[in-house]
Amino acid sequence: MDKQQFVTAVNAKVVAGSVEGLRQILLQPPGREPHKDLVEESNWFKSLNEEDKAMVEKIIIRSVEQATFTFLCILDGVSAIEDGPNKGILKLVYEKDGKQVLLNDEDSDYLHDLM
């Protein structure tokens, strides 16, 4: 797996998966006795007209994309998760069949740029 394949997988599994998961929760909260907040949000969402529902879905997509982008910036080291001058370095390694690939190598394309 290279950087582009990783970002493509993140977009498919994390972004698209989260958006679809949230959409399904809004349409039908999970469980025999769904949490009251989920039921309340679902009832509100289902009361919207189609144009407003589409706007909410666009906001969900933008929110998930932004959160994923920010996380990739952290993995790339361009956004720190620690305060102070002495910060650690995150290394994202993909390993398969005895081969290792550093996916967040700072000497090549950033993951967040590939997104």
N, C-alpha and C. Protein backbone atom coordinates (compact mmCIF):
# COMPACT_ATOMS: atom_id res chain seq x y z
N MET A 1 0.86 -1.17 0.00
CA MET A 1 0.00 0.00 0.00
C MET A 1 0.90 1.23 0.00
N ASP A 2 0.60 2.16 -0.89
CA ASP A 2 1.33 3.42 -0.89
C ASP A 2 0.44 4.52 -0.30
N LYS A 3 0.98 5.73 -0.29
CA LYS A 3 0.24 6.86 0.31
C LYS A 3 -1.12 7.08 -0.34
N GLN A 4 -1.14 7.07 -1.67
CA GLN A 4 -2.40 7.32 -2.38
C GLN A 4 -3.42 6.23 -2.08
N GLN A 5 -2.98 4.98 -2.06
CA GLN A 5 -3.89 3.89 -1.74
C GLN A 5 -4.42 4.02 -0.31
N PHE A 6 -3.56 4.45 0.60
CA PHE A 6 -3.99 4.66 1.99
C PHE A 6 -5.06 5.74 2.07
N VAL A 7 -4.82 6.87 1.41
CA VAL A 7 -5.78 7.98 1.45
C VAL A 7 -7.09 7.57 0.77
N THR A 8 -7.00 6.83 -0.31
CA THR A 8 -8.20 6.33 -0.98
C THR A 8 -8.99 5.42 -0.05
N ALA A 9 -8.28 4.54 0.68
CA ALA A 9 -8.95 3.66 1.63
C ALA A 9 -9.57 4.44 2.78
N VAL A 10 -8.87 5.46 3.27
CA VAL A 10 -9.41 6.31 4.34
C VAL A 10 -10.68 7.00 3.86
N ASN A 11 -10.65 7.51 2.65
CA ASN A 11 -11.85 8.17 2.11
C ASN A 11 -13.02 7.20 2.00
N ALA A 12 -12.74 5.99 1.56
CA ALA A 12 -13.81 5.01 1.38
C ALA A 12 -14.33 4.48 2.72
N LYS A 13 -13.41 4.12 3.60
CA LYS A 13 -13.83 3.47 4.85
C LYS A 13 -14.19 4.46 5.95
N VAL A 14 -13.42 5.52 6.09
CA VAL A 14 -13.65 6.46 7.18
C VAL A 14 -14.66 7.52 6.78
N VAL A 15 -14.37 8.24 5.69
CA VAL A 15 -15.25 9.34 5.30
C VAL A 15 -16.60 8.81 4.83
N ALA A 16 -16.60 8.02 3.78
CA ALA A 16 -17.88 7.53 3.23
C ALA A 16 -18.60 6.65 4.26
N GLY A 17 -17.85 5.83 4.98
CA GLY A 17 -18.47 4.96 5.98
C GLY A 17 -19.12 5.74 7.12
N SER A 18 -18.43 6.78 7.57
CA SER A 18 -18.98 7.61 8.66
C SER A 18 -20.21 8.39 8.20
N VAL A 19 -20.13 8.94 7.00
CA VAL A 19 -21.26 9.70 6.47
C VAL A 19 -22.48 8.79 6.35
N GLU A 20 -22.29 7.61 5.77
CA GLU A 20 -23.42 6.70 5.61
C GLU A 20 -23.92 6.21 6.97
N GLY A 21 -23.01 5.96 7.90
CA GLY A 21 -23.42 5.55 9.23
C GLY A 21 -24.26 6.60 9.94
N LEU A 22 -23.83 7.85 9.84
CA LEU A 22 -24.60 8.93 10.46
C LEU A 22 -25.96 9.11 9.78
N ARG A 23 -25.95 8.97 8.46
CA ARG A 23 -27.21 9.07 7.71
C ARG A 23 -28.21 8.01 8.19
N GLN A 24 -27.72 6.77 8.35
CA GLN A 24 -28.59 5.69 8.80
C GLN A 24 -29.09 5.92 10.23
N ILE A 25 -28.21 6.46 11.10
CA ILE A 25 -28.62 6.76 12.47
C ILE A 25 -29.72 7.81 12.48
N LEU A 26 -29.60 8.81 11.60
CA LEU A 26 -30.63 9.84 11.53
C LEU A 26 -31.96 9.28 11.02
N LEU A 27 -31.88 8.33 10.11
CA LEU A 27 -33.10 7.75 9.56
C LEU A 27 -33.73 6.74 10.51
N GLN A 28 -32.88 5.97 11.21
CA GLN A 28 -33.39 4.97 12.14
C GLN A 28 -32.35 4.68 13.20
N PRO A 29 -32.48 5.31 14.36
CA PRO A 29 -31.51 5.08 15.43
C PRO A 29 -31.41 3.59 15.78
N PRO A 30 -30.19 3.10 16.01
CA PRO A 30 -29.99 1.68 16.24
C PRO A 30 -30.38 1.24 17.65
N GLY A 31 -30.67 -0.04 17.75
CA GLY A 31 -30.94 -0.64 19.06
C GLY A 31 -32.41 -0.81 19.35
N ARG A 32 -32.67 -1.66 20.32
CA ARG A 32 -34.06 -1.89 20.73
C ARG A 32 -34.64 -0.66 21.41
N GLU A 33 -33.80 -0.03 22.22
CA GLU A 33 -34.19 1.21 22.90
C GLU A 33 -33.11 2.25 22.64
N PRO A 34 -33.18 2.89 21.47
CA PRO A 34 -32.14 3.86 21.12
C PRO A 34 -32.06 4.99 22.15
N HIS A 35 -30.87 5.53 22.29
CA HIS A 35 -30.66 6.65 23.20
C HIS A 35 -31.62 7.77 22.85
N LYS A 36 -32.16 8.43 23.86
CA LYS A 36 -33.19 9.46 23.63
C LYS A 36 -32.67 10.59 22.75
N ASP A 37 -31.38 10.94 22.85
CA ASP A 37 -30.83 11.99 21.99
C ASP A 37 -30.88 11.58 20.52
N LEU A 38 -30.55 10.31 20.25
CA LEU A 38 -30.59 9.83 18.86
C LEU A 38 -32.02 9.85 18.31
N VAL A 39 -32.97 9.48 19.15
CA VAL A 39 -34.38 9.50 18.73
C VAL A 39 -34.82 10.93 18.46
N GLU A 40 -34.44 11.84 19.34
CA GLU A 40 -34.79 13.25 19.17
C GLU A 40 -34.19 13.81 17.87
N GLU A 41 -32.92 13.52 17.63
CA GLU A 41 -32.26 14.00 16.40
C GLU A 41 -32.90 13.39 15.17
N SER A 42 -33.23 12.10 15.25
CA SER A 42 -33.87 11.43 14.13
C SER A 42 -35.24 12.03 13.83
N ASN A 43 -36.02 12.25 14.85
CA ASN A 43 -37.35 12.85 14.66
C ASN A 43 -37.23 14.23 14.04
N TRP A 44 -36.27 15.02 14.51
CA TRP A 44 -36.06 16.35 13.95
C TRP A 44 -35.66 16.25 12.48
N PHE A 45 -34.68 15.38 12.18
CA PHE A 45 -34.21 15.24 10.80
C PHE A 45 -35.34 14.82 9.88
N LYS A 46 -36.13 13.84 10.31
CA LYS A 46 -37.22 13.33 9.47
C LYS A 46 -38.33 14.36 9.28
N SER A 47 -38.38 15.37 10.14
CA SER A 47 -39.41 16.40 10.00
C SER A 47 -39.02 17.47 8.96
N LEU A 48 -37.76 17.47 8.54
CA LEU A 48 -37.28 18.47 7.59
C LEU A 48 -37.79 18.20 6.18
N ASN A 49 -37.87 19.25 5.39
CA ASN A 49 -38.19 19.05 3.98
C ASN A 49 -36.94 18.51 3.28
N GLU A 50 -37.10 18.06 2.05
CA GLU A 50 -36.00 17.40 1.33
C GLU A 50 -34.80 18.33 1.12
N GLU A 51 -35.05 19.60 0.88
CA GLU A 51 -33.96 20.56 0.68
C GLU A 51 -33.14 20.71 1.97
N ASP A 52 -33.81 20.81 3.09
CA ASP A 52 -33.11 20.93 4.38
C ASP A 52 -32.37 19.65 4.75
N LYS A 53 -32.97 18.49 4.44
CA LYS A 53 -32.29 17.22 4.69
C LYS A 53 -31.00 17.15 3.87
N ALA A 54 -31.06 17.59 2.62
CA ALA A 54 -29.88 17.59 1.76
C ALA A 54 -28.80 18.52 2.33
N MET A 55 -29.21 19.65 2.88
CA MET A 55 -28.25 20.58 3.48
C MET A 55 -27.58 19.96 4.71
N VAL A 56 -28.36 19.29 5.55
CA VAL A 56 -27.80 18.62 6.71
C VAL A 56 -26.79 17.56 6.27
N GLU A 57 -27.12 16.81 5.25
CA GLU A 57 -26.21 15.78 4.75
C GLU A 57 -24.92 16.40 4.20
N LYS A 58 -25.02 17.55 3.54
CA LYS A 58 -23.82 18.24 3.06
C LYS A 58 -22.94 18.69 4.22
N ILE A 59 -23.57 19.15 5.30
CA ILE A 59 -22.82 19.57 6.49
C ILE A 59 -22.16 18.36 7.15
N ILE A 60 -22.84 17.24 7.19
CA ILE A 60 -22.25 16.02 7.74
C ILE A 60 -21.01 15.63 6.93
N ILE A 61 -21.13 15.65 5.61
CA ILE A 61 -20.01 15.30 4.74
C ILE A 61 -18.84 16.24 4.99
N ARG A 62 -19.10 17.54 5.03
CA ARG A 62 -18.03 18.52 5.26
C ARG A 62 -17.38 18.31 6.63
N SER A 63 -18.18 18.00 7.64
CA SER A 63 -17.65 17.78 8.99
C SER A 63 -16.74 16.56 9.04
N VAL A 64 -17.18 15.46 8.45
CA VAL A 64 -16.37 14.24 8.45
C VAL A 64 -15.09 14.46 7.64
N GLU A 65 -15.21 15.11 6.50
CA GLU A 65 -14.01 15.40 5.69
C GLU A 65 -13.03 16.28 6.45
N GLN A 66 -13.53 17.29 7.14
CA GLN A 66 -12.66 18.20 7.89
C GLN A 66 -11.96 17.47 9.03
N ALA A 67 -12.70 16.64 9.75
CA ALA A 67 -12.10 15.87 10.85
C ALA A 67 -11.02 14.93 10.32
N THR A 68 -11.29 14.28 9.21
CA THR A 68 -10.32 13.36 8.61
C THR A 68 -9.10 14.13 8.11
N PHE A 69 -9.31 15.25 7.46
CA PHE A 69 -8.21 16.10 6.98
C PHE A 69 -7.32 16.54 8.14
N THR A 70 -7.94 16.98 9.23
CA THR A 70 -7.19 17.43 10.41
C THR A 70 -6.38 16.27 10.99
N PHE A 71 -6.97 15.09 11.04
CA PHE A 71 -6.24 13.93 11.55
C PHE A 71 -5.05 13.60 10.64
N LEU A 72 -5.24 13.69 9.34
CA LEU A 72 -4.12 13.44 8.42
C LEU A 72 -3.03 14.50 8.59
N CYS A 73 -3.41 15.75 8.86
CA CYS A 73 -2.42 16.80 9.14
C CYS A 73 -1.60 16.44 10.38
N ILE A 74 -2.24 15.86 11.39
CA ILE A 74 -1.53 15.43 12.58
C ILE A 74 -0.57 14.29 12.24
N LEU A 75 -1.05 13.31 11.47
CA LEU A 75 -0.17 12.22 11.06
C LEU A 75 1.01 12.73 10.23
N ASP A 76 0.78 13.76 9.42
CA ASP A 76 1.84 14.33 8.58
C ASP A 76 2.83 15.17 9.39
N GLY A 77 2.46 15.52 10.60
CA GLY A 77 3.34 16.32 11.44
C GLY A 77 3.25 17.82 11.19
N VAL A 78 2.27 18.25 10.41
CA VAL A 78 2.11 19.69 10.15
C VAL A 78 1.20 20.35 11.18
N SER A 79 0.54 19.53 11.99
CA SER A 79 -0.28 20.01 13.09
C SER A 79 0.07 19.15 14.30
N ALA A 80 0.43 19.81 15.39
CA ALA A 80 0.91 19.08 16.56
C ALA A 80 -0.23 18.67 17.48
N ILE A 81 -0.03 17.56 18.16
CA ILE A 81 -0.98 17.12 19.17
C ILE A 81 -0.42 17.34 20.57
N GLU A 82 0.78 17.90 20.63
CA GLU A 82 1.42 18.18 21.92
C GLU A 82 1.70 19.67 22.02
N ASP A 83 1.64 20.18 23.22
CA ASP A 83 2.02 21.57 23.47
C ASP A 83 3.50 21.61 23.85
N GLY A 84 4.10 22.79 23.71
CA GLY A 84 5.48 22.96 24.12
C GLY A 84 6.46 22.72 22.99
N PRO A 85 7.71 23.02 23.23
CA PRO A 85 8.71 22.96 22.17
C PRO A 85 9.23 21.54 21.88
N ASN A 86 9.12 20.63 22.83
CA ASN A 86 9.69 19.30 22.67
C ASN A 86 8.59 18.32 22.25
N LYS A 87 8.35 18.21 20.93
CA LYS A 87 7.26 17.40 20.41
C LYS A 87 7.81 16.09 19.83
N GLY A 88 7.03 15.05 19.95
CA GLY A 88 7.39 13.76 19.35
C GLY A 88 7.02 13.71 17.88
N ILE A 89 7.38 12.62 17.25
CA ILE A 89 7.10 12.42 15.84
C ILE A 89 6.24 11.16 15.70
N LEU A 90 5.18 11.26 14.93
CA LEU A 90 4.34 10.11 14.64
C LEU A 90 4.85 9.43 13.37
N LYS A 91 4.91 8.11 13.39
CA LYS A 91 5.30 7.36 12.20
C LYS A 91 4.20 6.36 11.90
N LEU A 92 3.67 6.45 10.71
CA LEU A 92 2.61 5.55 10.26
C LEU A 92 3.22 4.56 9.28
N VAL A 93 3.33 3.32 9.72
CA VAL A 93 3.97 2.28 8.91
C VAL A 93 2.92 1.25 8.51
N TYR A 94 2.90 0.94 7.21
CA TYR A 94 2.07 -0.14 6.70
C TYR A 94 2.99 -1.32 6.45
N GLU A 95 2.64 -2.47 7.01
CA GLU A 95 3.47 -3.65 6.86
C GLU A 95 2.66 -4.78 6.26
N LYS A 96 3.24 -5.42 5.24
CA LYS A 96 2.58 -6.56 4.61
C LYS A 96 3.65 -7.42 3.96
N ASP A 97 3.54 -8.71 4.14
CA ASP A 97 4.48 -9.67 3.54
C ASP A 97 5.93 -9.32 3.85
N GLY A 98 6.17 -8.88 5.07
CA GLY A 98 7.52 -8.56 5.49
C GLY A 98 8.08 -7.25 4.99
N LYS A 99 7.30 -6.52 4.20
CA LYS A 99 7.73 -5.21 3.70
C LYS A 99 7.05 -4.11 4.50
N GLN A 100 7.79 -3.06 4.77
CA GLN A 100 7.25 -1.91 5.49
C GLN A 100 7.30 -0.67 4.60
N VAL A 101 6.23 0.11 4.67
CA VAL A 101 6.17 1.37 3.94
C VAL A 101 5.82 2.47 4.94
N LEU A 102 6.64 3.50 5.01
CA LEU A 102 6.34 4.66 5.86
C LEU A 102 5.37 5.55 5.09
N LEU A 103 4.14 5.59 5.55
CA LEU A 103 3.09 6.30 4.82
C LEU A 103 3.12 7.81 5.06
N ASN A 104 3.70 8.24 6.15
CA ASN A 104 3.74 9.69 6.41
C ASN A 104 5.18 10.21 6.36
N ASP A 105 5.90 9.75 5.36
CA ASP A 105 7.26 10.22 5.12
C ASP A 105 7.21 11.69 4.75
N GLU A 106 7.87 12.52 5.53
CA GLU A 106 7.80 13.97 5.30
C GLU A 106 8.57 14.42 4.06
N ASP A 107 9.34 13.53 3.45
CA ASP A 107 10.12 13.89 2.26
C ASP A 107 9.34 13.67 0.96
N SER A 108 8.09 13.27 1.06
CA SER A 108 7.26 13.12 -0.14
C SER A 108 5.89 13.75 0.12
N ASP A 109 4.94 13.49 -0.74
CA ASP A 109 3.62 14.11 -0.62
C ASP A 109 3.01 13.87 0.76
N TYR A 110 2.37 14.92 1.27
CA TYR A 110 1.64 14.78 2.53
C TYR A 110 0.33 14.04 2.31
N LEU A 111 -0.07 13.28 3.29
CA LEU A 111 -1.34 12.56 3.22
C LEU A 111 -2.50 13.54 3.07
N HIS A 112 -2.48 14.63 3.84
CA HIS A 112 -3.61 15.58 3.77
C HIS A 112 -3.68 16.26 2.41
N ASP A 113 -2.56 16.41 1.71
CA ASP A 113 -2.60 16.97 0.36
C ASP A 113 -3.20 15.98 -0.64
N LEU A 114 -2.96 14.69 -0.42
CA LEU A 114 -3.51 13.67 -1.30
C LEU A 114 -5.01 13.51 -1.12
N MET A 115 -5.51 13.88 0.05
CA MET A 115 -6.94 13.78 0.30
C MET A 115 -7.69 14.74 -0.57
